[in-house]
Amino acid sequence: MSRPVLTLVVAGWLILFANLPFWHTIWAGIGGWSNGNPIFIASLPIFALMWTFIVLSVLAWGRLTKAVLAIALVVSAAASYFMSSYGILIDADMLTNVLQTDPSEATELVTVQMVAWIVGLGVIPALLLTRVRVVKRSIGRELTMKLASIVVAVACIGGIAMTEYQSYASLFRNHREIRLMLTPSNVVSAVHSYVRNEFKAPSKLEVVGADAHRILEVGTNRKPRLTIVMVGETARAANFGLDGYERNTSPELAKEGVLNFTHVSSCGTATAVSVPCMFQDVGRDEYKSAYAKNREGLLDVLQRAGVGVLWRDNNSGCKGACDRVPTEDVSHFKLADFCAGGECHDDALLSGLQDYIDTLKDDTVVVLHMKGSHGPFYAKRYPAAYGKFTPVCQSSQLDQCSRESIVNAYDNSLLYTDHVVAETVRLLKKNQSNFDTALMYLSDHGESLGENGVYLHGLPYAMAPQEQTHIPMVVWLSEGIKSHNGIQSQCMAALKDQPFSQDNLFHSVLDLMAVQTSVYRPELDMFRNCKGVNQASITSPESAEAIN
């Protein structure tokens, strides 16, 4: 075959066999046979074929043609599998999420069905491709044929677009997810965006809150402040007991006098976005992916103000939020009581934490980054003692499990999260005599459990279902910190159904830790409107020292 013909054959294979989710969405979007426009229906496969041919032609040149096409076959088969099995879409954020997933989580996705799918749709065609003899032509002749074939493909697309413009415009306007479903163009676009963001000229680290300083009460026997921020993983509000779920998945927290907020939204639908975003001061609307590495966040501001900071991780890292502060990875502690099979349960985050607290002499914020309910193998996220709801899905192949067993395993993981958070509250209660203590728990994002054929998380925010963006948030405040901050309990309880988001974390923690800076935004401080009018006067540390 000539190289353009070989490229067209591969494009045809991909359109027919590696894009089943794409065609399913297209067919539903146009109303199937009831569409009433046979010319439009007939033009769809031609349009997709020509577009895929153009993409492959731009990528595959000369002697590298076979290699590029073989890679496209295997990668497209893999993308097709995950889109078909989990209902995900492929974009730069999803690619970032995949690349930042730790090895133990990645191996959970490997199944016999996945291997068979990729081998059948990708590897075997790629091997057959290597057996095809390519017609040899001069460089000039080869280039002429390639450009001519691309021009013909572009002309076909242009002709279709002109004759059926209204139908195509309506389809793409009403179903914007389609562009993220046609493989391999969706993968190519995601890789291009990822590389552009990751490897562009490094920016100078942007300083945030250069004027940050603590404010101290005057004329009191001040105790150090200790706040623990717990970053949950993949917990959705829809299955959280305190948010009204029919199952009691948060029985221990219900006994600890916590404040639960029922209307909280995440910054993103994946850890790689939500975690760095929630520790920034700009909020979801202004957040950019480059900020994760190139802009200081909450922990930098606290540290600059003289607050001690520690990040403890049992997940896949802090995604840039803790790059310049002390960190510990508890999965490396090799704790026999909590760790087995290459991963640790979240109780490991509390191991040795009391010993660390005993060394503290000043204000401190500790962040505990949980494993939580990370899918798809929810049954691995909790000890056997928390397997209350049965039967459970004992596989990462969610589409092969009953919905009941998936939900049971997921609810058990929330039951265990409830225990770990409640245990942390009890730890802080034990330390009230020496510290003014507080806890904030909020998940990074939610999760889809098969609703409308969608599993896991990571869909583009504008298209994501509420299950992926509506998250639980719990706050516990000691009497000491409420007194010294002037926070009124009844007022806070009245806010339980008010809308909050991860945008509130940065500014609320600054308030709890009595840190003053020009980047603090009172309208995003969830405690601001519940402060008593007779709050004790405060001043800067320098002035307080002079007065004392």
Protein backbone atom coordinates (compact mmCIF):
# COMPACT_ATOMS: atom_id res chain seq x y z
CA MET A 1 0.00 0.00 0.00
CA SER A 2 0.95 3.61 -0.33
CA ARG A 3 1.32 5.42 2.98
CA PRO A 4 -1.84 7.54 2.50
CA VAL A 5 -3.88 4.39 1.79
CA LEU A 6 -2.38 2.65 4.82
CA THR A 7 -3.25 5.68 6.94
CA LEU A 8 -6.81 5.62 5.62
CA VAL A 9 -7.15 1.91 6.44
CA VAL A 10 -5.99 2.51 10.03
CA ALA A 11 -8.35 5.48 10.32
CA GLY A 12 -11.19 3.26 9.13
CA TRP A 13 -10.36 0.60 11.72
CA LEU A 14 -10.32 3.16 14.50
CA ILE A 15 -13.62 4.71 13.40
CA LEU A 16 -15.31 1.30 13.23
CA PHE A 17 -13.91 -0.45 16.31
CA ALA A 18 -12.23 2.00 18.69
CA ASN A 19 -14.97 4.60 18.95
CA LEU A 20 -18.02 2.76 20.23
CA PRO A 21 -18.73 5.33 23.02
CA PHE A 22 -18.44 8.11 20.43
CA TRP A 23 -20.98 6.53 18.11
CA HIS A 24 -23.31 5.70 21.00
CA THR A 25 -23.33 9.37 22.03
CA ILE A 26 -23.74 10.54 18.44
CA TRP A 27 -26.64 8.19 17.82
CA ALA A 28 -28.43 9.27 20.98
CA GLY A 29 -27.67 12.92 20.22
CA ILE A 30 -29.25 12.89 16.76
CA GLY A 31 -32.25 10.84 17.81
CA GLY A 32 -31.30 7.69 15.90
CA TRP A 33 -33.33 6.73 12.85
CA SER A 34 -36.01 9.22 13.85
CA ASN A 35 -33.66 12.04 12.90
CA GLY A 36 -35.33 12.36 9.52
CA ASN A 37 -32.22 13.50 7.64
CA PRO A 38 -30.64 10.47 5.93
CA ILE A 39 -27.97 12.59 4.21
CA PHE A 40 -26.80 13.92 7.58
CA ILE A 41 -26.76 10.41 9.08
CA ALA A 42 -24.79 9.04 6.12
CA SER A 43 -22.29 11.90 6.29
CA LEU A 44 -21.35 11.29 9.93
CA PRO A 45 -19.00 8.31 9.41
CA ILE A 46 -17.42 10.06 6.41
CA PHE A 47 -16.86 13.22 8.44
CA ALA A 48 -15.30 11.24 11.33
CA LEU A 49 -13.18 9.15 8.94
CA MET A 50 -11.78 12.16 7.13
CA TRP A 51 -11.02 13.98 10.37
CA THR A 52 -9.22 10.95 11.81
CA PHE A 53 -7.30 10.54 8.53
CA ILE A 54 -6.14 14.16 8.75
CA VAL A 55 -5.00 13.75 12.36
CA LEU A 56 -3.04 10.58 11.57
CA SER A 57 -1.56 12.09 8.41
CA VAL A 58 -0.27 15.09 10.32
CA LEU A 59 1.35 12.78 12.88
CA ALA A 60 2.77 10.07 10.60
CA TRP A 61 5.57 11.00 8.20
CA GLY A 62 7.93 8.98 6.04
CA ARG A 63 9.55 5.89 7.56
CA LEU A 64 7.94 6.62 10.91
CA THR A 65 4.46 6.13 9.47
CA LYS A 66 4.09 2.51 10.57
CA ALA A 67 5.42 3.18 14.06
CA VAL A 68 3.13 6.18 14.58
CA LEU A 69 0.09 4.32 13.29
CA ALA A 70 0.88 1.31 15.50
CA ILE A 71 1.10 3.56 18.56
CA ALA A 72 -2.16 5.22 17.55
CA LEU A 73 -3.86 1.81 17.37
CA VAL A 74 -2.73 0.70 20.83
CA VAL A 75 -3.35 4.06 22.53
CA SER A 76 -6.76 4.39 20.90
CA ALA A 77 -7.70 0.89 22.04
CA ALA A 78 -6.75 1.79 25.62
CA ALA A 79 -8.68 5.06 25.49
CA SER A 80 -11.67 3.24 24.02
CA TYR A 81 -11.62 0.71 26.83
CA PHE A 82 -11.67 3.29 29.61
CA MET A 83 -14.32 5.39 27.92
CA SER A 84 -16.50 2.32 27.36
CA SER A 85 -15.98 0.81 30.82
CA TYR A 86 -16.09 3.93 33.01
CA GLY A 87 -17.81 6.59 30.91
CA ILE A 88 -14.83 8.96 31.18
CA LEU A 89 -13.82 11.66 28.71
CA ILE A 90 -10.26 12.29 27.56
CA ASP A 91 -8.87 15.79 28.07
CA ALA A 92 -5.75 17.39 29.56
CA ASP A 93 -7.08 17.21 33.13
CA MET A 94 -7.86 13.51 32.77
CA LEU A 95 -4.40 12.89 31.32
CA THR A 96 -2.86 14.75 34.25
CA ASN A 97 -4.91 12.66 36.64
CA VAL A 98 -3.72 9.45 34.96
CA LEU A 99 -0.06 10.46 34.94
CA GLN A 100 -0.16 11.46 38.61
CA THR A 101 -1.85 8.27 39.78
CA ASP A 102 0.47 6.20 41.96
CA PRO A 103 1.50 2.69 40.82
CA SER A 104 -0.67 0.82 43.32
CA GLU A 105 -3.78 2.64 42.10
CA ALA A 106 -2.81 2.11 38.47
CA THR A 107 -2.48 -1.66 38.90
CA GLU A 108 -6.05 -1.83 40.18
CA LEU A 109 -7.22 -0.81 36.72
CA VAL A 110 -5.46 -3.71 35.01
CA THR A 111 -7.94 -6.53 34.34
CA VAL A 112 -8.21 -9.48 32.01
CA GLN A 113 -10.94 -7.70 30.09
CA MET A 114 -8.76 -4.59 29.67
CA VAL A 115 -5.83 -6.64 28.37
CA ALA A 116 -8.07 -8.57 25.97
CA TRP A 117 -9.65 -5.35 24.72
CA ILE A 118 -6.34 -3.62 24.07
CA VAL A 119 -4.77 -6.71 22.49
CA GLY A 120 -7.77 -7.33 20.24
CA LEU A 121 -8.39 -3.76 19.09
CA GLY A 122 -4.84 -2.41 19.28
CA VAL A 123 -1.96 -4.84 19.53
CA ILE A 124 -3.05 -7.41 16.92
CA PRO A 125 -3.90 -4.74 14.29
CA ALA A 126 -0.57 -3.07 15.06
CA LEU A 127 1.27 -6.37 14.45
CA LEU A 128 -0.60 -6.88 11.19
CA LEU A 129 0.33 -3.34 10.23
CA THR A 130 4.04 -4.22 10.46
CA ARG A 131 3.52 -6.91 7.77
CA VAL A 132 2.21 -4.47 5.18
CA ARG A 133 4.72 -3.54 2.48
CA VAL A 134 4.76 0.17 1.76
CA VAL A 135 5.13 1.37 -1.84
CA LYS A 136 8.46 3.15 -2.20
CA ARG A 137 8.41 6.55 -3.87
CA SER A 138 10.70 9.53 -4.07
CA ILE A 139 10.49 12.09 -1.29
CA GLY A 140 8.92 14.63 -3.62
CA ARG A 141 6.32 12.19 -4.91
CA GLU A 142 5.55 10.99 -1.38
CA LEU A 143 5.09 14.53 -0.10
CA THR A 144 2.87 15.44 -3.05
CA MET A 145 0.58 12.45 -2.46
CA LYS A 146 0.38 13.16 1.25
CA LEU A 147 -0.54 16.79 0.83
CA ALA A 148 -3.00 15.94 -1.94
CA SER A 149 -4.72 13.34 0.25
CA ILE A 150 -4.98 15.81 3.13
CA VAL A 151 -6.45 18.44 0.80
CA VAL A 152 -9.07 15.93 -0.42
CA ALA A 153 -9.97 15.04 3.19
CA VAL A 154 -10.27 18.72 4.15
CA ALA A 155 -12.45 19.30 1.06
CA CYS A 156 -14.74 16.44 2.07
CA ILE A 157 -15.14 17.86 5.57
CA GLY A 158 -15.74 21.33 4.15
CA GLY A 159 -18.34 20.05 1.70
CA ILE A 160 -20.17 18.15 4.42
CA ALA A 161 -20.05 21.13 6.77
CA MET A 162 -21.49 23.48 4.14
CA THR A 163 -24.33 21.21 3.08
CA GLU A 164 -25.28 20.04 6.58
CA TYR A 165 -24.11 23.00 8.65
CA GLN A 166 -27.27 23.38 10.71
CA SER A 167 -27.35 19.72 11.72
CA TYR A 168 -23.68 19.64 12.71
CA ALA A 169 -23.85 22.97 14.51
CA SER A 170 -26.80 21.74 16.55
CA LEU A 171 -25.08 18.43 17.35
CA PHE A 172 -21.82 19.98 18.55
CA ARG A 173 -23.53 22.80 20.40
CA ASN A 174 -25.81 20.48 22.36
CA HIS A 175 -23.24 17.71 22.91
CA ARG A 176 -19.91 19.37 23.55
CA GLU A 177 -18.51 16.19 25.04
CA ILE A 178 -18.32 14.67 21.55
CA ARG A 179 -14.96 16.31 20.83
CA LEU A 180 -13.51 14.55 23.89
CA MET A 181 -14.73 11.14 22.72
CA LEU A 182 -13.39 10.72 19.17
CA THR A 183 -10.14 8.81 19.46
CA PRO A 184 -7.27 9.28 18.70
CA SER A 185 -7.89 13.01 18.17
CA ASN A 186 -8.99 13.43 21.81
CA VAL A 187 -5.75 11.80 23.01
CA VAL A 188 -3.65 13.96 20.68
CA SER A 189 -5.39 17.11 21.92
CA ALA A 190 -4.96 16.09 25.57
CA VAL A 191 -1.26 15.33 25.11
CA HIS A 192 -0.72 18.63 23.28
CA SER A 193 -2.38 20.62 26.07
CA TYR A 194 -0.54 18.70 28.78
CA VAL A 195 2.88 19.14 27.18
CA ARG A 196 2.23 22.81 26.52
CA ASN A 197 1.35 23.38 30.17
CA GLU A 198 4.08 21.20 31.67
CA PHE A 199 7.05 22.09 29.53
CA LYS A 200 6.58 25.72 28.75
CA ALA A 201 9.26 28.12 30.02
CA PRO A 202 9.29 27.83 33.84
CA SER A 203 7.76 30.79 35.59
CA LYS A 204 9.27 32.47 38.61
CA LEU A 205 7.53 31.40 41.80
CA GLU A 206 4.81 33.94 42.55
CA VAL A 207 4.83 35.04 46.17
CA VAL A 208 1.44 35.21 47.90
CA GLY A 209 0.81 37.07 51.13
CA ALA A 210 4.28 38.56 51.54
CA ASP A 211 2.90 40.66 54.41
CA ALA A 212 1.48 37.70 56.34
CA HIS A 213 1.84 37.83 60.13
CA ARG A 214 0.06 36.44 63.14
CA ILE A 215 -2.12 38.50 65.44
CA LEU A 216 -2.16 37.74 69.14
CA GLU A 217 -4.61 38.40 71.94
CA VAL A 218 -3.46 40.95 74.51
CA GLY A 219 -3.62 40.32 78.25
CA THR A 220 -4.57 36.64 78.19
CA ASN A 221 -2.80 33.38 78.89
CA ARG A 222 -2.62 32.38 75.27
CA LYS A 223 -2.50 28.74 74.25
CA PRO A 224 -1.00 27.71 70.88
CA ARG A 225 -3.48 27.02 68.13
CA LEU A 226 -3.56 23.59 66.48
CA THR A 227 -5.67 23.09 63.38
CA ILE A 228 -5.88 19.84 61.43
CA VAL A 229 -7.09 20.03 57.83
CA MET A 230 -8.20 16.65 56.50
CA VAL A 231 -8.31 16.39 52.72
CA GLY A 232 -10.63 13.54 51.86
CA GLU A 233 -10.53 11.52 48.66
CA THR A 234 -13.48 10.81 46.37
CA ALA A 235 -16.15 11.23 49.04
CA ARG A 236 -19.43 12.44 47.58
CA ALA A 237 -22.09 14.20 49.60
CA ALA A 238 -24.87 12.05 48.16
CA ASN A 239 -23.67 9.05 50.23
CA PHE A 240 -22.57 10.96 53.34
CA GLY A 241 -24.73 10.14 56.35
CA LEU A 242 -24.63 13.63 57.87
CA ASP A 243 -25.89 15.05 54.56
CA GLY A 244 -29.11 13.05 54.79
CA TYR A 245 -28.14 9.80 53.06
CA GLU A 246 -30.53 6.97 53.89
CA ARG A 247 -27.65 4.89 55.27
CA ASN A 248 -25.83 6.02 58.38
CA THR A 249 -22.34 6.21 56.89
CA SER A 250 -21.12 8.75 59.47
CA PRO A 251 -22.25 7.37 62.87
CA GLU A 252 -19.11 8.33 64.80
CA LEU A 253 -18.99 11.93 63.61
CA ALA A 254 -22.65 12.32 64.55
CA LYS A 255 -21.60 11.80 68.19
CA GLU A 256 -18.69 14.25 68.20
CA GLY A 257 -20.53 17.58 68.00
CA VAL A 258 -19.25 18.50 64.55
CA LEU A 259 -20.66 21.16 62.24
CA ASN A 260 -21.70 19.61 58.95
CA PHE A 261 -22.25 21.66 55.80
CA THR A 262 -24.58 20.17 53.23
CA HIS A 263 -24.08 22.40 50.18
CA VAL A 264 -20.36 22.34 49.37
CA SER A 265 -18.80 22.19 45.91
CA SER A 266 -15.33 21.16 44.79
CA CYS A 267 -12.86 23.13 42.71
CA GLY A 268 -12.38 20.29 40.24
CA THR A 269 -13.34 16.70 39.56
CA ALA A 270 -9.87 15.19 40.02
CA THR A 271 -7.21 15.30 42.72
CA ALA A 272 -4.64 16.92 40.42
CA VAL A 273 -6.91 19.96 40.10
CA SER A 274 -8.85 20.16 43.36
CA VAL A 275 -6.01 19.72 45.84
CA PRO A 276 -3.75 22.55 44.60
CA CYS A 277 -6.80 24.71 43.85
CA MET A 278 -8.29 24.50 47.35
CA PHE A 279 -5.00 25.67 48.87
CA GLN A 280 -4.88 28.76 46.61
CA ASP A 281 -6.46 32.10 47.42
CA VAL A 282 -7.90 32.79 43.96
CA GLY A 283 -10.86 30.38 43.89
CA ARG A 284 -12.07 28.03 41.19
CA ASP A 285 -12.99 30.73 38.68
CA GLU A 286 -9.48 32.19 38.63
CA TYR A 287 -7.44 29.05 39.20
CA LYS A 288 -4.96 27.92 36.53
CA SER A 289 -3.10 24.62 36.41
CA ALA A 290 0.25 26.43 36.35
CA TYR A 291 -0.46 27.78 39.85
CA ALA A 292 0.13 24.32 41.34
CA LYS A 293 3.90 24.64 40.79
CA ASN A 294 4.45 28.33 40.19
CA ARG A 295 2.39 30.07 42.85
CA GLU A 296 2.49 29.98 46.63
CA GLY A 297 -0.55 28.76 48.52
CA LEU A 298 -2.05 28.59 51.98
CA LEU A 299 0.76 26.58 53.56
CA ASP A 300 3.40 29.01 52.30
CA VAL A 301 1.47 31.94 53.76
CA LEU A 302 1.03 30.22 57.12
CA GLN A 303 4.71 29.29 57.26
CA ARG A 304 5.75 32.85 56.43
CA ALA A 305 3.58 34.11 59.29
CA GLY A 306 5.41 31.86 61.73
CA VAL A 307 2.86 29.04 61.89
CA GLY A 308 4.30 25.53 61.93
CA VAL A 309 3.13 23.36 59.02
CA LEU A 310 3.21 19.61 58.37
CA TRP A 311 1.72 17.72 55.42
CA ARG A 312 1.07 14.00 56.04
CA ASP A 313 0.20 12.01 52.94
CA ASN A 314 -1.46 8.65 52.36
CA ASN A 315 -2.40 9.35 48.77
CA SER A 316 -0.55 10.24 45.59
CA GLY A 317 1.13 13.44 46.80
CA CYS A 318 0.05 17.02 47.34
CA LYS A 319 0.16 18.08 43.65
CA GLY A 320 2.30 21.13 44.48
CA ALA A 321 0.38 22.36 47.53
CA CYS A 322 3.09 21.26 49.99
CA ASP A 323 6.25 21.63 47.90
CA ARG A 324 7.92 24.10 50.28
CA VAL A 325 6.82 22.81 53.69
CA PRO A 326 7.73 19.72 55.78
CA THR A 327 6.05 16.55 54.50
CA GLU A 328 5.70 12.91 55.52
CA ASP A 329 4.51 9.98 53.41
CA VAL A 330 2.98 7.53 55.87
CA SER A 331 2.94 4.75 53.26
CA HIS A 332 6.73 4.63 53.70
CA PHE A 333 6.47 4.07 57.45
CA LYS A 334 5.85 0.32 56.91
CA LEU A 335 3.29 0.16 59.71
CA ALA A 336 2.25 -3.46 60.12
CA ASP A 337 -1.06 -2.56 61.79
CA PHE A 338 -2.28 -0.37 58.94
CA CYS A 339 -0.30 -1.29 55.82
CA ALA A 340 -0.43 -4.36 53.62
CA GLY A 341 -0.31 -5.19 49.94
CA GLY A 342 1.51 -2.02 48.96
CA GLU A 343 -0.87 0.49 50.51
CA CYS A 344 -1.93 1.78 53.93
CA HIS A 345 -5.35 2.44 55.38
CA ASP A 346 -5.97 5.97 56.59
CA ASP A 347 -5.50 5.20 60.29
CA ALA A 348 -1.80 5.32 59.40
CA LEU A 349 -2.13 9.10 59.17
CA LEU A 350 -2.72 9.22 62.94
CA SER A 351 0.20 6.95 63.79
CA GLY A 352 2.71 8.92 65.84
CA LEU A 353 0.70 12.11 65.48
CA GLN A 354 0.29 12.51 69.24
CA ASP A 355 4.06 12.24 69.64
CA TYR A 356 4.46 15.03 67.09
CA ILE A 357 1.86 17.18 68.89
CA ASP A 358 3.72 16.69 72.17
CA THR A 359 6.73 18.46 70.65
CA LEU A 360 4.78 21.56 69.59
CA LYS A 361 5.25 24.87 71.37
CA ASP A 362 3.58 27.24 68.91
CA ASP A 363 0.73 27.59 66.41
CA THR A 364 0.64 24.69 63.94
CA VAL A 365 -1.43 23.43 61.01
CA VAL A 366 -1.30 19.75 60.11
CA VAL A 367 -2.75 18.53 56.80
CA LEU A 368 -3.78 14.87 56.53
CA HIS A 369 -4.24 13.78 52.90
CA MET A 370 -6.40 10.67 52.96
CA LYS A 371 -6.74 7.68 50.65
CA GLY A 372 -10.44 7.87 51.38
CA SER A 373 -12.72 6.22 48.82
CA HIS A 374 -10.39 6.21 45.85
CA GLY A 375 -11.74 3.93 43.14
CA PRO A 376 -12.20 1.72 41.39
CA PHE A 377 -11.37 -0.92 44.02
CA TYR A 378 -13.36 0.58 46.88
CA ALA A 379 -13.21 -2.64 48.92
CA LYS A 380 -9.46 -2.13 49.41
CA ARG A 381 -9.91 1.24 51.05
CA TYR A 382 -11.12 -0.01 54.44
CA PRO A 383 -10.29 -2.74 56.99
CA ALA A 384 -12.55 -5.78 57.11
CA ALA A 385 -14.14 -4.54 60.33
CA TYR A 386 -15.87 -1.76 58.36
CA GLY A 387 -17.43 -4.07 55.78
CA LYS A 388 -20.93 -3.46 57.14
CA PHE A 389 -22.80 -3.35 53.84
CA THR A 390 -22.74 -6.51 51.74
CA PRO A 391 -22.28 -7.95 49.17
CA VAL A 392 -19.37 -5.83 47.90
CA CYS A 393 -17.70 -5.56 44.52
CA GLN A 394 -14.31 -7.27 44.85
CA SER A 395 -13.01 -6.01 41.54
CA SER A 396 -11.85 -2.88 39.79
CA GLN A 397 -13.96 -3.86 36.78
CA LEU A 398 -16.99 -1.89 37.91
CA ASP A 399 -19.13 -2.56 34.87
CA GLN A 400 -18.92 -6.27 35.73
CA CYS A 401 -20.29 -5.73 39.26
CA SER A 402 -23.87 -5.12 40.29
CA ARG A 403 -24.67 -1.54 41.23
CA GLU A 404 -25.66 -2.71 44.70
CA SER A 405 -22.24 -4.27 45.34
CA ILE A 406 -20.45 -1.15 44.05
CA VAL A 407 -22.47 1.13 46.32
CA ASN A 408 -21.98 -1.21 49.28
CA ALA A 409 -18.19 -1.17 48.89
CA TYR A 410 -18.20 2.59 48.44
CA ASP A 411 -20.41 3.15 51.50
CA ASN A 412 -18.11 0.96 53.57
CA SER A 413 -15.20 3.17 52.58
CA LEU A 414 -17.16 6.22 53.77
CA LEU A 415 -17.94 4.42 57.01
CA TYR A 416 -14.19 4.02 57.53
CA THR A 417 -13.53 7.65 56.59
CA ASP A 418 -16.06 8.62 59.22
CA HIS A 419 -14.08 6.64 61.79
CA VAL A 420 -10.73 8.21 60.86
CA VAL A 421 -12.11 11.76 60.93
CA ALA A 422 -13.92 11.13 64.22
CA GLU A 423 -10.76 9.63 65.70
CA THR A 424 -8.91 12.80 64.71
CA VAL A 425 -11.56 14.92 66.43
CA ARG A 426 -11.12 12.83 69.57
CA LEU A 427 -7.36 13.34 69.35
CA LEU A 428 -7.85 17.11 69.27
CA LYS A 429 -10.27 16.95 72.19
CA LYS A 430 -7.59 15.20 74.24
CA ASN A 431 -5.23 18.09 73.55
CA GLN A 432 -7.58 20.96 74.43
CA SER A 433 -5.84 21.65 77.72
CA ASN A 434 -2.65 22.58 75.88
CA PHE A 435 -3.96 23.92 72.55
CA ASP A 436 -6.87 25.78 71.02
CA THR A 437 -7.84 23.13 68.50
CA ALA A 438 -9.90 22.93 65.31
CA LEU A 439 -10.54 20.50 62.47
CA MET A 440 -11.76 20.96 58.93
CA TYR A 441 -12.53 17.94 56.74
CA LEU A 442 -13.52 18.25 53.09
CA SER A 443 -13.22 15.88 50.17
CA ASP A 444 -11.25 16.79 47.06
CA HIS A 445 -14.07 15.76 44.70
CA GLY A 446 -16.94 13.32 44.44
CA GLU A 447 -17.53 10.12 42.48
CA SER A 448 -19.89 8.61 39.94
CA LEU A 449 -21.08 5.11 40.80
CA GLY A 450 -22.70 4.13 37.51
CA GLU A 451 -25.33 6.83 37.16
CA ASN A 452 -26.05 7.13 33.42
CA GLY A 453 -23.23 4.66 32.74
CA VAL A 454 -20.56 6.93 34.27
CA TYR A 455 -18.06 5.67 36.84
CA LEU A 456 -15.19 7.21 38.82
CA HIS A 457 -14.49 10.95 38.35
CA GLY A 458 -12.53 13.44 36.26
CA LEU A 459 -15.16 14.64 33.78
CA PRO A 460 -14.74 18.26 32.64
CA TYR A 461 -16.33 20.44 35.31
CA ALA A 462 -18.92 21.96 32.99
CA MET A 463 -20.11 18.47 32.02
CA ALA A 464 -19.62 16.69 35.33
CA PRO A 465 -22.67 15.37 37.19
CA GLN A 466 -23.36 16.66 40.68
CA GLU A 467 -22.08 13.40 42.14
CA GLN A 468 -18.55 14.44 41.13
CA THR A 469 -18.70 18.05 42.41
CA HIS A 470 -20.95 17.96 45.51
CA ILE A 471 -18.73 17.04 48.45
CA PRO A 472 -19.02 16.67 52.24
CA MET A 473 -17.42 19.17 54.61
CA VAL A 474 -17.21 18.90 58.40
CA VAL A 475 -15.83 21.41 60.93
CA TRP A 476 -15.11 20.90 64.61
CA LEU A 477 -14.05 23.78 66.88
CA SER A 478 -12.87 23.56 70.47
CA GLU A 479 -14.37 25.89 73.06
CA GLY A 480 -11.01 27.59 73.34
CA ILE A 481 -10.72 28.55 69.70
CA LYS A 482 -14.36 29.60 69.57
CA SER A 483 -13.81 31.84 72.57
CA HIS A 484 -10.58 33.40 71.37
CA ASN A 485 -11.90 33.90 67.82
CA GLY A 486 -15.32 35.07 69.01
CA ILE A 487 -17.10 32.40 66.94
CA GLN A 488 -20.72 31.79 67.97
CA SER A 489 -21.80 28.14 67.74
CA GLN A 490 -25.50 28.80 67.06
CA CYS A 491 -24.65 31.13 64.23
CA MET A 492 -22.35 28.56 62.61
CA ALA A 493 -24.99 25.84 62.97
CA ALA A 494 -27.47 28.09 61.15
CA LEU A 495 -25.12 28.15 58.14
CA LYS A 496 -25.20 24.38 57.60
CA ASP A 497 -27.31 24.61 54.42
CA GLN A 498 -25.64 27.72 52.99
CA PRO A 499 -23.53 27.30 49.83
CA PHE A 500 -19.80 26.91 50.46
CA SER A 501 -16.95 25.57 48.36
CA GLN A 502 -13.27 24.75 48.48
CA ASP A 503 -12.73 28.46 47.79
CA ASN A 504 -13.48 29.05 51.49
CA LEU A 505 -10.63 26.91 52.83
CA PHE A 506 -7.74 29.36 52.34
CA HIS A 507 -9.40 32.31 54.03
CA SER A 508 -11.15 30.35 56.79
CA VAL A 509 -7.91 28.69 57.93
CA LEU A 510 -6.17 32.08 58.01
CA ASP A 511 -8.93 33.23 60.35
CA LEU A 512 -8.65 30.15 62.59
CA MET A 513 -4.89 30.64 62.85
CA ALA A 514 -5.19 34.43 63.42
CA VAL A 515 -3.01 35.22 60.39
CA GLN A 516 -3.39 38.64 58.84
CA THR A 517 -2.47 39.38 55.22
CA SER A 518 -3.67 41.55 52.36
CA VAL A 519 -4.74 38.51 50.31
CA TYR A 520 -7.28 37.50 52.96
CA ARG A 521 -10.83 37.92 51.64
CA PRO A 522 -13.39 38.21 54.45
CA GLU A 523 -16.30 37.37 52.15
CA LEU A 524 -14.78 33.87 51.70
CA ASP A 525 -14.15 33.33 55.41
CA MET A 526 -16.91 31.00 56.56
CA PHE A 527 -16.43 32.08 60.21
CA ARG A 528 -16.42 35.84 59.59
CA ASN A 529 -20.14 36.48 59.95
CA CYS A 530 -20.43 34.47 63.16
CA LYS A 531 -18.07 36.50 65.32
CA GLY A 532 -19.34 38.23 68.44
CA VAL A 533 -19.21 42.00 68.72
CA ASN A 534 -17.28 41.80 72.02
CA GLN A 535 -14.35 39.90 70.58
CA ALA A 536 -11.08 40.56 72.44
CA SER A 537 -8.87 43.25 70.97
CA ILE A 538 -5.96 41.99 68.94
CA THR A 539 -2.78 43.40 67.61
CA SER A 540 0.40 42.30 65.88
CA PRO A 541 2.90 40.03 67.69
CA GLU A 542 5.41 42.87 67.93
CA SER A 543 2.90 45.25 69.52
CA ALA A 544 1.61 42.59 71.87
CA GLU A 545 5.13 41.84 73.07
CA ALA A 546 5.78 45.54 73.67
CA ILE A 547 2.54 45.96 75.62
CA ASN A 548 3.17 42.88 77.75
